[in-house]
């Protein structure tokens, strides 16, 4: 393995570990188990024109 590839893969591994630590929630507090957030989603109602079948 070349030196450049070794440095690049080491940096990529370090960057991924930092990203995991940044975006993982801290579960050491009192409300560590409350991870559910109520979400309400609706389908958009599209008012599309309909063709006239009778002339």
C-alpha atoms as a PDB file:
ATOM      1  CA  UNK A   1       0.000   0.000   0.000  1.00  0.00           C
ATOM      2  CA  UNK A   2       1.422   3.371  -0.903  1.00  0.00           C
ATOM      3  CA  UNK A   3       2.101   6.054   1.675  1.00  0.00           C
ATOM      4  CA  UNK A   4      -0.472   8.419   0.157  1.00  0.00           C
ATOM      5  CA  UNK A   5      -3.199   5.753   0.262  1.00  0.00           C
ATOM      6  CA  UNK A   6      -2.370   4.943   3.895  1.00  0.00           C
ATOM      7  CA  UNK A   7      -2.589   8.604   4.904  1.00  0.00           C
ATOM      8  CA  UNK A   8      -5.829   9.065   2.966  1.00  0.00           C
ATOM      9  CA  UNK A   9      -7.534   6.010   4.501  1.00  0.00           C
ATOM     10  CA  UNK A  10      -6.371   7.020   7.997  1.00  0.00           C
ATOM     11  CA  UNK A  11      -7.834  10.490   7.549  1.00  0.00           C
ATOM     12  CA  UNK A  12     -11.109   9.069   6.177  1.00  0.00           C
ATOM     13  CA  UNK A  13     -11.437   6.740   9.177  1.00  0.00           C
ATOM     14  CA  UNK A  14     -10.716   9.596  11.579  1.00  0.00           C
ATOM     15  CA  UNK A  15     -13.258  11.855   9.810  1.00  0.00           C
ATOM     16  CA  UNK A  16     -15.976   9.180   9.957  1.00  0.00           C
ATOM     17  CA  UNK A  17     -15.330   8.576  13.666  1.00  0.00           C
ATOM     18  CA  UNK A  18     -15.611  12.320  14.340  1.00  0.00           C
ATOM     19  CA  UNK A  19     -18.868  12.491  12.372  1.00  0.00           C
ATOM     20  CA  UNK A  20     -20.341   9.571  14.347  1.00  0.00           C
ATOM     21  CA  UNK A  21     -19.430  11.239  17.632  1.00  0.00           C
ATOM     22  CA  UNK A  22     -20.892  14.586  16.530  1.00  0.00           C
ATOM     23  CA  UNK A  23     -24.228  13.234  15.292  1.00  0.00           C
ATOM     24  CA  UNK A  24     -24.871  10.613  17.991  1.00  0.00           C
ATOM     25  CA  UNK A  25     -27.186  11.817  20.737  1.00  0.00           C
ATOM     26  CA  UNK A  26     -25.904  12.062  24.288  1.00  0.00           C
ATOM     27  CA  UNK A  27     -27.819   9.531  26.391  1.00  0.00           C
ATOM     28  CA  UNK A  28     -26.274  10.397  29.747  1.00  0.00           C
ATOM     29  CA  UNK A  29     -28.945  12.943  30.788  1.00  0.00           C
ATOM     30  CA  UNK A  30     -32.210  12.343  32.614  1.00  0.00           C
ATOM     31  CA  UNK A  31     -34.305  12.318  29.441  1.00  0.00           C
ATOM     32  CA  UNK A  32     -32.008  10.042  27.488  1.00  0.00           C
ATOM     33  CA  UNK A  33     -34.795   7.646  26.566  1.00  0.00           C
ATOM     34  CA  UNK A  34     -37.151  10.252  25.096  1.00  0.00           C
ATOM     35  CA  UNK A  35     -36.143  10.121  21.439  1.00  0.00           C
ATOM     36  CA  UNK A  36     -39.588   9.974  19.781  1.00  0.00           C
ATOM     37  CA  UNK A  37     -40.894  13.187  18.283  1.00  0.00           C
ATOM     38  CA  UNK A  38     -44.520  13.402  17.117  1.00  0.00           C
ATOM     39  CA  UNK A  39     -44.697  14.071  13.374  1.00  0.00           C
ATOM     40  CA  UNK A  40     -47.763  14.848  11.315  1.00  0.00           C
ATOM     41  CA  UNK A  41     -47.551  14.299   7.574  1.00  0.00           C
ATOM     42  CA  UNK A  42     -50.152  14.974   4.908  1.00  0.00           C
ATOM     43  CA  UNK A  43     -50.366  14.176   1.254  1.00  0.00           C
ATOM     44  CA  UNK A  44     -50.595  17.253  -0.939  1.00  0.00           C
ATOM     45  CA  UNK A  45     -53.941  17.639  -2.675  1.00  0.00           C
ATOM     46  CA  UNK A  46     -53.324  18.498  -6.299  1.00  0.00           C
ATOM     47  CA  UNK A  47     -56.113  20.283  -8.163  1.00  0.00           C
ATOM     48  CA  UNK A  48     -55.290  19.096 -11.647  1.00  0.00           C
ATOM     49  CA  UNK A  49     -57.509  19.974 -14.611  1.00  0.00           C
ATOM     50  CA  UNK A  50     -59.653  17.146 -15.941  1.00  0.00           C
ATOM     51  CA  UNK A  51     -60.286  16.673 -19.672  1.00  0.00           C
ATOM     52  CA  UNK A  52     -63.791  17.244 -21.049  1.00  0.00           C
ATOM     53  CA  UNK A  53     -65.077  13.930 -22.342  1.00  0.00           C
ATOM     54  CA  UNK A  54     -68.202  15.319 -24.045  1.00  0.00           C
ATOM     55  CA  UNK A  55     -67.827  17.924 -26.832  1.00  0.00           C
END
